[in-house]
Structure formats: structure tokens, C-alpha cells
Amino acid sequence: MQIFSTFEHSLYIELAITSLEKIGLKKDNILAVPLNNRAEESSLFDTLHRSDGISLFDKGAAIGTAFAVIGASVGFTLEWGPIYWGLIGAAVGFLVGFSIDYISFKFVHKRKRIIKGKKSEVLLVVECPMSLIDKVEGVLWEHLALGVARVNDQDEKGRDT
């Protein structure tokens, strides 16, 4: 019987392994695998299927709208008129807002993309006899396992296909 469980990186995983050894399991029957965090540069533009929650468009749209209003208002006294100056103001405002966000996210923060609120975990795999299943699960839950699952090898061998 195999029991899979996940833990956060903490002392509880070490305490759980020690407790499992105390109830009679050998070190050869316990496997702990740390999972790696995703660390990749965030992309500047989101796609239809992937978004990281950072938008470079919002500030550009807001500042572009403000500059368009100002450009159209001032455009009544200028030679090209309010429509052209409103469009010029919108374009300049959008570029200013986009540039502020781009510089902020690309150069000032220099942050790596890490999944929000999630840190890497440790996967613990325990091979144990049927007589110790309940004890092993109890030990894992006592030591704050995030999740526990059983896989019965006997079910796979005895199944008709």
C-alpha cells in the first residue's frame, strides 16, 4: 500500500518522517521529494489562454483619456482643431501610461513570476503494510499534511480488464 501526502516546507515534514520511523517503517519505505517553484520572467502581454494579473493597458487608458480631454479642450484654440489634438493627446497619454507601467514592472521591481500565495511543497510517499495504514495516515494528519491519498497495489493486480 502506498500513501501519498503533501506538506509545506517546514519542520512538520521532518517530525512526520521521524514519527513514521518510530511506528516501525524503514527509511527505505519513505520518500520525500521537494517540488520547485516556478521562476520565469513575466511576459509583457497576456494571451487569451494565459494571464498573470499584471496589466500594462489600464494606466495607459486612464492617462490617455485624460490627455484626450485636455487635448480636445486646448485644440479649440489651436490650428488643427479639437479632434486632431484630442487624438494626439490620447496617443501621447497612452504611451506615457504604458511607459510608466513598463518601467515600473520591468526595471524597478525586477520581480520573478511566482504563483500568488503558493509556495513549493514536499511530496511524501510512504510504502507501508496494510496493518499500518491507519496509523500512518493519523501521523501524517497530526503533522499538518496538506493532503493525503492512498493507492492500493492489490486493487490493480486483482482487477479484471
C-alpha atoms as a PDB file:
ATOM      1  CA  MET A   1       0.000   0.000   0.000  1.00  0.00           C
ATOM      2  CA  GLN A   2       1.330   3.421  -0.879  1.00  0.00           C
ATOM      3  CA  ILE A   3       0.278   6.612   0.847  1.00  0.00           C
ATOM      4  CA  PHE A   4       0.964   9.974  -0.785  1.00  0.00           C
ATOM      5  CA  SER A   5       0.851  13.259   1.107  1.00  0.00           C
ATOM      6  CA  THR A   6       1.931  16.855   0.628  1.00  0.00           C
ATOM      7  CA  PHE A   7       3.483  19.164   3.194  1.00  0.00           C
ATOM      8  CA  GLU A   8       4.700  22.728   3.235  1.00  0.00           C
ATOM      9  CA  HIS A   9       8.445  23.207   3.675  1.00  0.00           C
ATOM     10  CA  SER A  10       8.603  23.182   7.471  1.00  0.00           C
ATOM     11  CA  LEU A  11       9.751  21.158  10.448  1.00  0.00           C
ATOM     12  CA  TYR A  12       6.488  19.222  10.377  1.00  0.00           C
ATOM     13  CA  ILE A  13       7.731  17.083   7.474  1.00  0.00           C
ATOM     14  CA  GLU A  14      10.805  16.104   9.498  1.00  0.00           C
ATOM     15  CA  LEU A  15       8.684  15.350  12.543  1.00  0.00           C
ATOM     16  CA  ALA A  16       6.323  13.247  10.426  1.00  0.00           C
ATOM     17  CA  ILE A  17       9.207  11.207   8.989  1.00  0.00           C
ATOM     18  CA  THR A  18      10.638  10.653  12.473  1.00  0.00           C
ATOM     19  CA  SER A  19       7.220   9.560  13.773  1.00  0.00           C
ATOM     20  CA  LEU A  20       6.786   7.168  10.844  1.00  0.00           C
ATOM     21  CA  GLU A  21      10.139   5.581  11.656  1.00  0.00           C
ATOM     22  CA  LYS A  22       9.079   5.221  15.300  1.00  0.00           C
ATOM     23  CA  ILE A  23       5.951   3.241  14.374  1.00  0.00           C
ATOM     24  CA  GLY A  24       8.073   0.702  12.512  1.00  0.00           C
ATOM     25  CA  LEU A  25       8.635   1.913   8.946  1.00  0.00           C
ATOM     26  CA  LYS A  26      12.135   1.744   7.473  1.00  0.00           C
ATOM     27  CA  LYS A  27      13.835   4.704   5.808  1.00  0.00           C
ATOM     28  CA  ASP A  28      13.797   2.758   2.546  1.00  0.00           C
ATOM     29  CA  ASN A  29       9.981   2.882   2.555  1.00  0.00           C
ATOM     30  CA  ILE A  30       9.781   6.690   2.883  1.00  0.00           C
ATOM     31  CA  LEU A  31      10.450   9.065   0.004  1.00  0.00           C
ATOM     32  CA  ALA A  32      10.346  12.862   0.365  1.00  0.00           C
ATOM     33  CA  VAL A  33      10.528  14.908  -2.845  1.00  0.00           C
ATOM     34  CA  PRO A  34      10.690  18.734  -2.689  1.00  0.00           C
ATOM     35  CA  LEU A  35       8.869  20.481  -5.518  1.00  0.00           C
ATOM     36  CA  ASN A  36      10.421  23.502  -7.226  1.00  0.00           C
ATOM     37  CA  ASN A  37       8.805  26.923  -7.547  1.00  0.00           C
ATOM     38  CA  ARG A  38       8.092  28.247 -10.979  1.00  0.00           C
ATOM     39  CA  ALA A  39      10.522  31.049 -11.670  1.00  0.00           C
ATOM     40  CA  GLU A  40      10.163  32.617 -15.072  1.00  0.00           C
ATOM     41  CA  GLU A  41      10.071  36.171 -16.245  1.00  0.00           C
ATOM     42  CA  SER A  42       6.577  37.549 -16.543  1.00  0.00           C
ATOM     43  CA  SER A  43       5.546  38.285 -20.106  1.00  0.00           C
ATOM     44  CA  LEU A  44       4.618  41.827 -21.018  1.00  0.00           C
ATOM     45  CA  PHE A  45       1.453  40.941 -22.876  1.00  0.00           C
ATOM     46  CA  ASP A  46      -1.210  38.479 -21.789  1.00  0.00           C
ATOM     47  CA  THR A  47      -2.736  35.997 -24.183  1.00  0.00           C
ATOM     48  CA  LEU A  48      -6.206  34.559 -24.371  1.00  0.00           C
ATOM     49  CA  HIS A  49      -5.101  31.396 -22.550  1.00  0.00           C
ATOM     50  CA  ARG A  50      -2.603  32.801 -20.061  1.00  0.00           C
ATOM     51  CA  SER A  51      -2.727  35.861 -17.842  1.00  0.00           C
ATOM     52  CA  ASP A  52      -0.535  36.797 -14.897  1.00  0.00           C
ATOM     53  CA  GLY A  53      -2.747  39.561 -13.480  1.00  0.00           C
ATOM     54  CA  ILE A  54      -0.449  42.415 -14.469  1.00  0.00           C
ATOM     55  CA  SER A  55      -1.925  44.859 -16.958  1.00  0.00           C
ATOM     56  CA  LEU A  56       0.077  47.462 -18.837  1.00  0.00           C
ATOM     57  CA  PHE A  57      -3.087  48.786 -20.503  1.00  0.00           C
ATOM     58  CA  ASP A  58      -5.019  50.211 -17.534  1.00  0.00           C
ATOM     59  CA  LYS A  59      -2.827  53.160 -16.635  1.00  0.00           C
ATOM     60  CA  GLY A  60      -2.300  53.958 -20.320  1.00  0.00           C
ATOM     61  CA  ALA A  61      -6.052  54.027 -20.951  1.00  0.00           C
ATOM     62  CA  ALA A  62      -6.724  56.292 -17.957  1.00  0.00           C
ATOM     63  CA  ILE A  63      -3.952  58.766 -18.733  1.00  0.00           C
ATOM     64  CA  GLY A  64      -4.813  58.614 -22.446  1.00  0.00           C
ATOM     65  CA  THR A  65      -8.411  59.590 -21.674  1.00  0.00           C
ATOM     66  CA  ALA A  66      -7.278  62.498 -19.513  1.00  0.00           C
ATOM     67  CA  PHE A  67      -4.835  63.730 -22.154  1.00  0.00           C
ATOM     68  CA  ALA A  68      -7.516  63.387 -24.861  1.00  0.00           C
ATOM     69  CA  VAL A  69      -9.874  65.623 -22.897  1.00  0.00           C
ATOM     70  CA  ILE A  70      -7.137  68.180 -22.280  1.00  0.00           C
ATOM     71  CA  GLY A  71      -6.002  67.993 -25.929  1.00  0.00           C
ATOM     72  CA  ALA A  72      -9.552  68.473 -27.233  1.00  0.00           C
ATOM     73  CA  SER A  73     -10.130  71.411 -24.882  1.00  0.00           C
ATOM     74  CA  VAL A  74      -6.907  73.150 -25.879  1.00  0.00           C
ATOM     75  CA  GLY A  75      -7.474  72.178 -29.530  1.00  0.00           C
ATOM     76  CA  PHE A  76     -10.280  74.751 -29.875  1.00  0.00           C
ATOM     77  CA  THR A  77      -7.671  77.494 -29.827  1.00  0.00           C
ATOM     78  CA  LEU A  78      -5.012  75.696 -31.885  1.00  0.00           C
ATOM     79  CA  GLU A  79      -4.729  75.429 -35.661  1.00  0.00           C
ATOM     80  CA  TRP A  80      -5.591  71.746 -36.225  1.00  0.00           C
ATOM     81  CA  GLY A  81      -8.732  71.810 -34.114  1.00  0.00           C
ATOM     82  CA  PRO A  82     -10.067  69.759 -31.193  1.00  0.00           C
ATOM     83  CA  ILE A  83     -10.398  66.381 -32.950  1.00  0.00           C
ATOM     84  CA  TYR A  84      -6.768  66.093 -34.039  1.00  0.00           C
ATOM     85  CA  TRP A  85      -5.451  67.426 -30.731  1.00  0.00           C
ATOM     86  CA  GLY A  86      -7.739  65.075 -28.803  1.00  0.00           C
ATOM     87  CA  LEU A  87      -6.394  62.089 -30.769  1.00  0.00           C
ATOM     88  CA  ILE A  88      -2.811  63.305 -30.301  1.00  0.00           C
ATOM     89  CA  GLY A  89      -3.468  63.729 -26.569  1.00  0.00           C
ATOM     90  CA  ALA A  90      -4.951  60.236 -26.337  1.00  0.00           C
ATOM     91  CA  ALA A  91      -1.949  58.677 -28.107  1.00  0.00           C
ATOM     92  CA  VAL A  92       0.583  60.604 -26.015  1.00  0.00           C
ATOM     93  CA  GLY A  93      -1.283  59.821 -22.782  1.00  0.00           C
ATOM     94  CA  PHE A  94      -1.490  56.133 -23.610  1.00  0.00           C
ATOM     95  CA  LEU A  95       2.235  55.998 -24.376  1.00  0.00           C
ATOM     96  CA  VAL A  96       3.036  57.837 -21.118  1.00  0.00           C
ATOM     97  CA  GLY A  97       0.890  55.449 -19.044  1.00  0.00           C
ATOM     98  CA  PHE A  98       2.222  52.386 -20.838  1.00  0.00           C
ATOM     99  CA  SER A  99       5.806  53.617 -20.335  1.00  0.00           C
ATOM    100  CA  ILE A 100       5.226  54.180 -16.612  1.00  0.00           C
ATOM    101  CA  ASP A 101       3.902  50.632 -16.166  1.00  0.00           C
ATOM    102  CA  TYR A 102       6.607  49.139 -18.374  1.00  0.00           C
ATOM    103  CA  ILE A 103       9.435  50.856 -16.477  1.00  0.00           C
ATOM    104  CA  SER A 104       7.808  50.021 -13.147  1.00  0.00           C
ATOM    105  CA  PHE A 105       7.363  46.305 -13.836  1.00  0.00           C
ATOM    106  CA  LYS A 106      10.449  45.664 -15.960  1.00  0.00           C
ATOM    107  CA  PHE A 107      13.178  47.694 -14.275  1.00  0.00           C
ATOM    108  CA  VAL A 108      12.096  48.896 -10.835  1.00  0.00           C
ATOM    109  CA  HIS A 109      10.535  45.711  -9.480  1.00  0.00           C
ATOM    110  CA  LYS A 110      12.644  43.172 -11.406  1.00  0.00           C
ATOM    111  CA  ARG A 111      10.439  40.524  -9.923  1.00  0.00           C
ATOM    112  CA  LYS A 112      10.205  36.938 -10.944  1.00  0.00           C
ATOM    113  CA  ARG A 113       6.821  35.437 -11.563  1.00  0.00           C
ATOM    114  CA  ILE A 114       5.833  33.291  -8.606  1.00  0.00           C
ATOM    115  CA  ILE A 115       2.376  31.873  -8.310  1.00  0.00           C
ATOM    116  CA  LYS A 116       0.474  34.052  -5.886  1.00  0.00           C
ATOM    117  CA  GLY A 117       0.090  32.662  -2.398  1.00  0.00           C
ATOM    118  CA  LYS A 118       1.597  29.326  -3.345  1.00  0.00           C
ATOM    119  CA  LYS A 119       4.993  28.102  -2.279  1.00  0.00           C
ATOM    120  CA  SER A 120       6.646  24.875  -3.233  1.00  0.00           C
ATOM    121  CA  GLU A 121       5.676  21.845  -1.237  1.00  0.00           C
ATOM    122  CA  VAL A 122       7.164  18.491  -0.333  1.00  0.00           C
ATOM    123  CA  LEU A 123       5.620  15.301  -1.655  1.00  0.00           C
ATOM    124  CA  LEU A 124       5.929  12.417   0.809  1.00  0.00           C
ATOM    125  CA  VAL A 125       5.447   8.853  -0.447  1.00  0.00           C
ATOM    126  CA  VAL A 126       5.190   6.087   2.152  1.00  0.00           C
ATOM    127  CA  GLU A 127       5.182   2.367   1.328  1.00  0.00           C
ATOM    128  CA  CYS A 128       3.567   0.525   4.241  1.00  0.00           C
ATOM    129  CA  PRO A 129       1.863  -2.786   5.047  1.00  0.00           C
ATOM    130  CA  MET A 130      -1.925  -2.931   5.314  1.00  0.00           C
ATOM    131  CA  SER A 131      -1.750  -3.204   9.108  1.00  0.00           C
ATOM    132  CA  LEU A 132      -0.168   0.252   9.497  1.00  0.00           C
ATOM    133  CA  ILE A 133      -2.346   2.245   7.094  1.00  0.00           C
ATOM    134  CA  ASP A 134      -4.495   3.954   9.706  1.00  0.00           C
ATOM    135  CA  LYS A 135      -1.519   4.743  11.933  1.00  0.00           C
ATOM    136  CA  VAL A 136       0.449   6.227   9.030  1.00  0.00           C
ATOM    137  CA  GLU A 137      -2.480   8.376   7.925  1.00  0.00           C
ATOM    138  CA  GLY A 138      -3.026   9.521  11.502  1.00  0.00           C
ATOM    139  CA  VAL A 139       0.634  10.510  11.843  1.00  0.00           C
ATOM    140  CA  LEU A 140       0.512  12.436   8.562  1.00  0.00           C
ATOM    141  CA  TRP A 141      -2.636  14.328   9.537  1.00  0.00           C
ATOM    142  CA  GLU A 142      -1.246  15.061  13.032  1.00  0.00           C
ATOM    143  CA  HIS A 143       1.806  16.669  11.469  1.00  0.00           C
ATOM    144  CA  LEU A 144      -0.281  19.048   9.330  1.00  0.00           C
ATOM    145  CA  ALA A 145      -0.271  17.325   5.958  1.00  0.00           C
ATOM    146  CA  LEU A 146      -1.998  19.394   3.291  1.00  0.00           C
ATOM    147  CA  GLY A 147      -3.450  16.288   1.670  1.00  0.00           C
ATOM    148  CA  VAL A 148      -3.271  12.505   1.997  1.00  0.00           C
ATOM    149  CA  ALA A 149      -4.190   9.807  -0.553  1.00  0.00           C
ATOM    150  CA  ARG A 150      -3.983   6.003  -0.635  1.00  0.00           C
ATOM    151  CA  VAL A 151      -3.041   3.812  -3.564  1.00  0.00           C
ATOM    152  CA  ASN A 152      -3.754   0.134  -3.107  1.00  0.00           C
ATOM    153  CA  ASP A 153      -1.447  -2.107  -5.154  1.00  0.00           C
ATOM    154  CA  GLN A 154      -3.721  -5.096  -4.579  1.00  0.00           C
ATOM    155  CA  ASP A 155      -6.649  -3.443  -6.395  1.00  0.00           C
ATOM    156  CA  GLU A 156      -4.612  -3.052  -9.577  1.00  0.00           C
ATOM    157  CA  LYS A 157      -3.420  -6.674  -9.591  1.00  0.00           C
ATOM    158  CA  GLY A 158      -6.806  -8.234  -8.904  1.00  0.00           C
ATOM    159  CA  ARG A 159      -8.835  -6.156 -11.351  1.00  0.00           C
ATOM    160  CA  ASP A 160     -10.347  -7.733 -14.488  1.00  0.00           C
ATOM    161  CA  THR A 161      -9.875  -5.755 -17.669  1.00  0.00           C
END
